[in-house]
PDB file of N, CA and C in Angstrom:
ATOM      1  N   MET A   1     104.971 107.287  67.392  1.00  0.00           N
ATOM      2  CA  MET A   1     104.436 108.262  68.215  1.00  0.00           C
ATOM      3  C   MET A   1     103.058 108.540  67.895  1.00  0.00           C
ATOM      4  N   PRO A   2     102.659 108.526  66.729  1.00  0.00           N
ATOM      5  CA  PRO A   2     101.127 108.816  66.238  1.00  0.00           C
ATOM      6  C   PRO A   2     100.082 107.865  66.989  1.00  0.00           C
ATOM      7  N   GLY A   3     100.412 106.732  67.057  1.00  0.00           N
ATOM      8  CA  GLY A   3      99.650 105.827  68.034  1.00  0.00           C
ATOM      9  C   GLY A   3      99.540 106.270  69.299  1.00  0.00           C
ATOM     10  N   LEU A   4     100.430 106.850  70.176  1.00  0.00           N
ATOM     11  CA  LEU A   4     100.458 107.223  71.379  1.00  0.00           C
ATOM     12  C   LEU A   4      99.563 108.351  71.418  1.00  0.00           C
ATOM     13  N   TRP A   5      99.932 109.261  70.713  1.00  0.00           N
ATOM     14  CA  TRP A   5      98.914 110.567  70.680  1.00  0.00           C
ATOM     15  C   TRP A   5      97.478 110.232  70.456  1.00  0.00           C
ATOM     16  N   ARG A   6      97.086 109.267  69.523  1.00  0.00           N
ATOM     17  CA  ARG A   6      95.681 108.876  69.404  1.00  0.00           C
ATOM     18  C   ARG A   6      95.286 108.198  70.756  1.00  0.00           C
ATOM     19  N   LYS A   7      95.991 107.608  71.460  1.00  0.00           N
ATOM     20  CA  LYS A   7      95.306 106.949  72.741  1.00  0.00           C
ATOM     21  C   LYS A   7      95.403 108.138  73.724  1.00  0.00           C
ATOM     22  N   ILE A   8      96.132 109.019  73.685  1.00  0.00           N
ATOM     23  CA  ILE A   8      96.126 110.257  74.547  1.00  0.00           C
ATOM     24  C   ILE A   8      94.731 111.101  74.302  1.00  0.00           C
ATOM     25  N   GLU A   9      94.616 111.346  73.206  1.00  0.00           N
ATOM     26  CA  GLU A   9      93.448 111.919  72.610  1.00  0.00           C
ATOM     27  C   GLU A   9      92.081 111.328  72.922  1.00  0.00           C
ATOM     28  N   ALA A  10      92.074 109.889  72.686  1.00  0.00           N
ATOM     29  CA  ALA A  10      91.031 109.211  72.846  1.00  0.00           C
ATOM     30  C   ALA A  10      90.558 109.300  74.548  1.00  0.00           C
ATOM     31  N   ARG A  11      91.563 109.330  75.327  1.00  0.00           N
ATOM     32  CA  ARG A  11      91.473 109.413  76.844  1.00  0.00           C
ATOM     33  C   ARG A  11      90.730 110.849  77.078  1.00  0.00           C
ATOM     34  N   ARG A  12      91.399 111.856  76.610  1.00  0.00           N
ATOM     35  CA  ARG A  12      90.954 113.159  76.760  1.00  0.00           C
ATOM     36  C   ARG A  12      89.320 113.307  76.183  1.00  0.00           C
ATOM     37  N   ALA A  13      89.266 112.820  75.072  1.00  0.00           N
ATOM     38  CA  ALA A  13      87.834 112.875  74.451  1.00  0.00           C
ATOM     39  C   ALA A  13      86.803 112.250  75.430  1.00  0.00           C
ATOM     40  N   PHE A  14      87.327 111.071  75.842  1.00  0.00           N
ATOM     41  CA  PHE A  14      86.329 110.250  76.933  1.00  0.00           C
ATOM     42  C   PHE A  14      86.272 111.173  78.180  1.00  0.00           C
ATOM     43  N   ALA A  15      87.262 111.621  78.689  1.00  0.00           N
ATOM     44  CA  ALA A  15      86.999 112.549  80.084  1.00  0.00           C
ATOM     45  C   ALA A  15      86.169 113.807  79.612  1.00  0.00           C
ATOM     46  N   PHE A  16      86.426 114.263  78.608  1.00  0.00           N
ATOM     47  CA  PHE A  16      85.743 115.484  78.259  1.00  0.00           C
ATOM     48  C   PHE A  16      84.194 115.177  78.188  1.00  0.00           C
ATOM     49  N   THR A  17      83.806 114.055  77.530  1.00  0.00           N
ATOM     50  CA  THR A  17      82.453 113.776  77.484  1.00  0.00           C
ATOM     51  C   THR A  17      81.895 113.509  78.611  1.00  0.00           C
ATOM     52  N   TRP A  18      82.453 112.864  79.627  1.00  0.00           N
ATOM     53  CA  TRP A  18      81.886 112.664  80.985  1.00  0.00           C
ATOM     54  C   TRP A  18      81.804 113.986  81.771  1.00  0.00           C
ATOM     55  N   ARG A  19      82.954 114.791  81.609  1.00  0.00           N
ATOM     56  CA  ARG A  19      82.895 116.136  82.104  1.00  0.00           C
ATOM     57  C   ARG A  19      81.691 116.936  81.695  1.00  0.00           C
ATOM     58  N   ARG A  20      81.424 116.952  80.361  1.00  0.00           N
ATOM     59  CA  ARG A  20      80.308 117.764  79.953  1.00  0.00           C
ATOM     60  C   ARG A  20      78.882 117.066  80.312  1.00  0.00           C
ATOM     61  N   LEU A  21      78.861 115.970  80.334  1.00  0.00           N
ATOM     62  CA  LEU A  21      77.565 115.334  80.726  1.00  0.00           C
ATOM     63  C   LEU A  21      77.328 115.529  82.473  1.00  0.00           C
ATOM     64  N   ALA A  22      78.464 115.438  83.276  1.00  0.00           N
ATOM     65  CA  ALA A  22      78.331 115.873  84.692  1.00  0.00           C
ATOM     66  C   ALA A  22      77.962 117.390  84.868  1.00  0.00           C
ATOM     67  N   GLN A  23      78.644 118.086  84.096  1.00  0.00           N
ATOM     68  CA  GLN A  23      78.254 119.530  84.323  1.00  0.00           C
ATOM     69  C   GLN A  23      76.822 119.863  83.814  1.00  0.00           C
ATOM     70  N   GLY A  24      76.263 119.217  82.721  1.00  0.00           N
ATOM     71  CA  GLY A  24      74.802 119.183  82.504  1.00  0.00           C
ATOM     72  C   GLY A  24      73.814 118.809  83.431  1.00  0.00           C
ATOM     73  N   ILE A  25      74.212 117.555  84.125  1.00  0.00           N
ATOM     74  CA  ILE A  25      73.493 117.079  85.281  1.00  0.00           C
ATOM     75  C   ILE A  25      73.508 118.091  86.380  1.00  0.00           C
ATOM     76  N   VAL A  26      74.521 118.650  86.854  1.00  0.00           N
ATOM     77  CA  VAL A  26      74.753 119.553  87.719  1.00  0.00           C
ATOM     78  C   VAL A  26      73.683 120.790  87.519  1.00  0.00           C
ATOM     79  N   THR A  27      73.888 121.280  86.338  1.00  0.00           N
ATOM     80  CA  THR A  27      73.235 122.500  85.860  1.00  0.00           C
ATOM     81  C   THR A  27      71.706 122.184  85.837  1.00  0.00           C
ATOM     82  N   ALA A  28      71.277 121.079  85.567  1.00  0.00           N
ATOM     83  CA  ALA A  28      69.910 120.794  85.439  1.00  0.00           C
ATOM     84  C   ALA A  28      69.512 120.423  86.811  1.00  0.00           C
ATOM     85  N   ALA A  29      70.151 120.041  87.784  1.00  0.00           N
ATOM     86  CA  ALA A  29      69.768 119.841  89.233  1.00  0.00           C
ATOM     87  C   ALA A  29      69.568 121.329  89.903  1.00  0.00           C
ATOM     88  N   ALA A  30      70.559 122.146  89.611  1.00  0.00           N
ATOM     89  CA  ALA A  30      70.534 123.553  90.101  1.00  0.00           C
ATOM     90  C   ALA A  30      69.269 124.270  89.650  1.00  0.00           C
ATOM     91  N   LEU A  31      68.990 124.093  88.386  1.00  0.00           N
ATOM     92  CA  LEU A  31      67.878 124.755  87.887  1.00  0.00           C
ATOM     93  C   LEU A  31      66.618 124.205  88.614  1.00  0.00           C
ATOM     94  N   ALA A  32      66.556 122.718  88.613  1.00  0.00           N
ATOM     95  CA  ALA A  32      65.106 122.264  89.192  1.00  0.00           C
ATOM     96  C   ALA A  32      65.276 122.837  90.727  1.00  0.00           C
ATOM     97  N   SER A  33      66.247 122.747  91.584  1.00  0.00           N
ATOM     98  CA  SER A  33      66.173 123.293  92.729  1.00  0.00           C
ATOM     99  C   SER A  33      65.464 124.664  92.936  1.00  0.00           C
ATOM    100  N   LEU A  34      66.083 125.493  92.075  1.00  0.00           N
ATOM    101  CA  LEU A  34      65.595 126.984  91.911  1.00  0.00           C
ATOM    102  C   LEU A  34      64.259 126.818  91.477  1.00  0.00           C
ATOM    103  N   ALA A  35      63.817 126.296  90.553  1.00  0.00           N
ATOM    104  CA  ALA A  35      62.382 126.219  89.964  1.00  0.00           C
ATOM    105  C   ALA A  35      61.455 125.875  91.255  1.00  0.00           C
ATOM    106  N   MET A  36      61.978 124.814  91.870  1.00  0.00           N
ATOM    107  CA  MET A  36      60.949 124.196  93.137  1.00  0.00           C
ATOM    108  C   MET A  36      60.987 125.299  94.259  1.00  0.00           C
ATOM    109  N   GLY A  37      62.140 125.906  94.600  1.00  0.00           N
ATOM    110  CA  GLY A  37      62.062 127.032  95.456  1.00  0.00           C
ATOM    111  C   GLY A  37      61.129 128.019  95.061  1.00  0.00           C
ATOM    112  N   VAL A  38      61.331 128.601  93.808  1.00  0.00           N
ATOM    113  CA  VAL A  38      60.271 129.680  93.552  1.00  0.00           C
ATOM    114  C   VAL A  38      58.811 129.113  93.607  1.00  0.00           C
ATOM    115  N   TYR A  39      58.437 127.886  93.127  1.00  0.00           N
ATOM    116  CA  TYR A  39      57.081 127.312  93.082  1.00  0.00           C
ATOM    117  C   TYR A  39      56.733 127.334  94.548  1.00  0.00           C
ATOM    118  N   LEU A  40      57.610 126.910  95.443  1.00  0.00           N
ATOM    119  CA  LEU A  40      57.153 126.630  96.843  1.00  0.00           C
ATOM    120  C   LEU A  40      56.764 127.962  97.731  1.00  0.00           C
ATOM    121  N   LYS A  41      57.613 128.842  97.149  1.00  0.00           N
ATOM    122  CA  LYS A  41      57.459 130.212  97.567  1.00  0.00           C
ATOM    123  C   LYS A  41      56.213 130.772  97.507  1.00  0.00           C
ATOM    124  N   GLY A  42      55.455 130.530  96.202  1.00  0.00           N
ATOM    125  CA  GLY A  42      54.228 130.966  95.999  1.00  0.00           C
ATOM    126  C   GLY A  42      53.106 130.166  96.560  1.00  0.00           C
ATOM    127  N   VAL A  43      53.252 128.957  96.903  1.00  0.00           N
ATOM    128  CA  VAL A  43      52.166 128.044  97.388  1.00  0.00           C
ATOM    129  C   VAL A  43      51.819 128.447  98.837  1.00  0.00           C
ATOM    130  N   SER A  44      50.393 128.488  99.017  1.00  0.00           N
ATOM    131  CA  SER A  44      50.048 128.639 100.550  1.00  0.00           C
ATOM    132  C   SER A  44      50.384 127.507 101.369  1.00  0.00           C
ATOM    133  N   PRO A  45      50.528 127.850 102.663  1.00  0.00           N
ATOM    134  CA  PRO A  45      50.805 126.797 103.627  1.00  0.00           C
ATOM    135  C   PRO A  45      49.673 125.937 103.727  1.00  0.00           C
ATOM    136  N   ALA A  46      49.981 124.757 104.284  1.00  0.00           N
ATOM    137  CA  ALA A  46      48.946 123.783 104.330  1.00  0.00           C
ATOM    138  C   ALA A  46      47.992 124.125 105.641  1.00  0.00           C
ATOM    139  N   PRO A  47      46.778 123.793 105.577  1.00  0.00           N
ATOM    140  CA  PRO A  47      45.977 124.132 106.781  1.00  0.00           C
ATOM    141  C   PRO A  47      46.420 123.503 108.095  1.00  0.00           C
ATOM    142  N   PRO A  48      46.302 124.124 109.283  1.00  0.00           N
ATOM    143  CA  PRO A  48      46.770 123.552 110.429  1.00  0.00           C
ATOM    144  C   PRO A  48      46.226 121.957 110.775  1.00  0.00           C
ATOM    145  N   THR A  49      46.759 121.193 111.130  1.00  0.00           N
ATOM    146  CA  THR A  49      46.201 119.875 111.598  1.00  0.00           C
ATOM    147  C   THR A  49      45.239 120.120 112.816  1.00  0.00           C
ATOM    148  N   TYR A  50      44.443 119.032 113.276  1.00  0.00           N
ATOM    149  CA  TYR A  50      43.680 119.052 114.158  1.00  0.00           C
ATOM    150  C   TYR A  50      44.349 119.360 115.699  1.00  0.00           C
ATOM    151  N   LEU A  51      45.352 118.462 115.753  1.00  0.00           N
ATOM    152  CA  LEU A  51      46.114 118.745 116.877  1.00  0.00           C
ATOM    153  C   LEU A  51      46.736 120.307 117.178  1.00  0.00           C
ATOM    154  N   GLU A  52      47.137 120.817 116.078  1.00  0.00           N
ATOM    155  CA  GLU A  52      47.748 122.277 116.165  1.00  0.00           C
ATOM    156  C   GLU A  52      46.618 123.215 116.617  1.00  0.00           C
ATOM    157  N   THR A  53      45.340 122.915 115.782  1.00  0.00           N
ATOM    158  CA  THR A  53      44.247 123.759 116.230  1.00  0.00           C
ATOM    159  C   THR A  53      43.827 123.704 117.614  1.00  0.00           C
ATOM    160  N   LEU A  54      43.812 122.369 118.063  1.00  0.00           N
ATOM    161  CA  LEU A  54      43.332 122.084 119.314  1.00  0.00           C
ATOM    162  C   LEU A  54      44.566 122.637 120.391  1.00  0.00           C
ATOM    163  N   ALA A  55      45.797 122.712 120.040  1.00  0.00           N
ATOM    164  CA  ALA A  55      46.822 123.170 120.914  1.00  0.00           C
ATOM    165  C   ALA A  55      46.813 124.758 121.129  1.00  0.00           C
ATOM    166  N   ALA A  56      46.462 125.272 119.858  1.00  0.00           N
ATOM    167  CA  ALA A  56      46.378 126.781 119.787  1.00  0.00           C
ATOM    168  C   ALA A  56      45.088 127.196 120.643  1.00  0.00           C
ATOM    169  N   SER A  57      44.043 126.552 120.753  1.00  0.00           N
ATOM    170  CA  SER A  57      42.669 126.912 121.339  1.00  0.00           C
ATOM    171  C   SER A  57      42.821 126.710 122.879  1.00  0.00           C
ATOM    172  N   GLN A  58      43.871 125.988 123.330  1.00  0.00           N
ATOM    173  CA  GLN A  58      44.125 125.894 124.838  1.00  0.00           C
ATOM    174  C   GLN A  58      44.553 127.053 125.651  1.00  0.00           C
ATOM    175  N   VAL A  59      43.830 127.270 126.702  1.00  0.00           N
ATOM    176  CA  VAL A  59      44.237 128.489 127.664  1.00  0.00           C
ATOM    177  C   VAL A  59      45.617 127.764 128.394  1.00  0.00           C
ATOM    178  N   PRO A  60      46.613 128.768 128.459  1.00  0.00           N
ATOM    179  CA  PRO A  60      47.624 128.465 129.333  1.00  0.00           C
ATOM    180  C   PRO A  60      47.181 128.117 130.777  1.00  0.00           C
ATOM    181  N   ASP A  61      47.766 127.263 131.455  1.00  0.00           N
ATOM    182  CA  ASP A  61      47.477 127.016 132.924  1.00  0.00           C
ATOM    183  C   ASP A  61      47.546 128.120 133.931  1.00  0.00           C
ATOM    184  N   SER A  62      48.404 128.993 133.613  1.00  0.00           N
ATOM    185  CA  SER A  62      48.645 130.168 134.544  1.00  0.00           C
ATOM    186  C   SER A  62      47.376 131.126 134.457  1.00  0.00           C
ATOM    187  N   LEU A  63      46.735 131.228 133.313  1.00  0.00           N
ATOM    188  CA  LEU A  63      45.638 132.242 132.918  1.00  0.00           C
ATOM    189  C   LEU A  63      44.387 131.506 133.608  1.00  0.00           C
ATOM    190  N   ALA A  64      44.417 130.289 133.349  1.00  0.00           N
ATOM    191  CA  ALA A  64      43.131 129.574 133.975  1.00  0.00           C
ATOM    192  C   ALA A  64      43.222 129.590 135.443  1.00  0.00           C
ATOM    193  N   ASP A  65      44.344 129.390 136.120  1.00  0.00           N
ATOM    194  CA  ASP A  65      44.446 129.554 137.580  1.00  0.00           C
ATOM    195  C   ASP A  65      43.900 131.108 137.967  1.00  0.00           C
ATOM    196  N   THR A  66      44.559 131.845 137.251  1.00  0.00           N
ATOM    197  CA  THR A  66      44.171 133.344 137.584  1.00  0.00           C
ATOM    198  C   THR A  66      42.571 133.556 137.564  1.00  0.00           C
ATOM    199  N   GLU A  67      41.994 133.003 136.561  1.00  0.00           N
ATOM    200  CA  GLU A  67      40.652 133.248 136.530  1.00  0.00           C
ATOM    201  C   GLU A  67      39.633 132.584 137.446  1.00  0.00           C
ATOM    202  N   ILE A  68      40.336 131.301 137.974  1.00  0.00           N
ATOM    203  CA  ILE A  68      39.641 130.604 139.091  1.00  0.00           C
ATOM    204  C   ILE A  68      39.774 131.555 140.228  1.00  0.00           C
ATOM    205  N   ILE A  69      40.869 131.845 140.596  1.00  0.00           N
ATOM    206  CA  ILE A  69      41.188 132.650 141.719  1.00  0.00           C
ATOM    207  C   ILE A  69      40.480 133.835 141.769  1.00  0.00           C
ATOM    208  N   GLN A  70      40.168 134.532 140.611  1.00  0.00           N
ATOM    209  CA  GLN A  70      39.400 135.883 140.588  1.00  0.00           C
ATOM    210  C   GLN A  70      37.974 135.468 141.048  1.00  0.00           C
ATOM    211  N   ALA A  71      37.505 134.318 140.329  1.00  0.00           N
ATOM    212  CA  ALA A  71      36.065 133.962 140.553  1.00  0.00           C
ATOM    213  C   ALA A  71      35.947 133.667 141.882  1.00  0.00           C
ATOM    214  N   VAL A  72      36.745 132.970 142.620  1.00  0.00           N
ATOM    215  CA  VAL A  72      36.559 132.490 143.913  1.00  0.00           C
ATOM    216  C   VAL A  72      36.609 133.732 144.822  1.00  0.00           C
ATOM    217  N   ASN A  73      37.451 134.700 144.589  1.00  0.00           N
ATOM    218  CA  ASN A  73      37.425 136.126 145.270  1.00  0.00           C
ATOM    219  C   ASN A  73      36.311 136.834 145.235  1.00  0.00           C
ATOM    220  N   GLU A  74      35.827 136.756 143.848  1.00  0.00           N
ATOM    221  CA  GLU A  74      34.391 137.538 143.664  1.00  0.00           C
ATOM    222  C   GLU A  74      33.281 136.825 144.431  1.00  0.00           C
ATOM    223  N   ASN A  75      33.364 135.650 144.571  1.00  0.00           N
ATOM    224  CA  ASN A  75      32.151 134.799 145.119  1.00  0.00           C
ATOM    225  C   ASN A  75      32.211 134.884 146.744  1.00  0.00           C
ATOM    226  N   SER A  76      33.373 135.063 147.175  1.00  0.00           N
ATOM    227  CA  SER A  76      33.647 135.137 148.691  1.00  0.00           C
ATOM    228  C   SER A  76      33.306 136.644 149.207  1.00  0.00           C
ATOM    229  N   GLN A  77      33.421 137.658 148.356  1.00  0.00           N
ATOM    230  CA  GLN A  77      33.156 139.004 148.765  1.00  0.00           C
ATOM    231  C   GLN A  77      31.756 139.214 149.011  1.00  0.00           C
TER     232      GLN A  77
END
């Protein structure tokens, strides 16, 4: 029976080693994620791209149409 118990203990030790390693990796990944989240929270956002700036500067069509109608009405009076 002592040989059987040695085999059982050897398997338990092997599984315990892998479990500890996996727990360490998961803990490290969680800490890395938390650290990246804190870091990215403090970083200023990237400046807008050319297309975003161009889109923001465009006047909506409905306002442009209103201004044209007002200009035509003022000229006709």
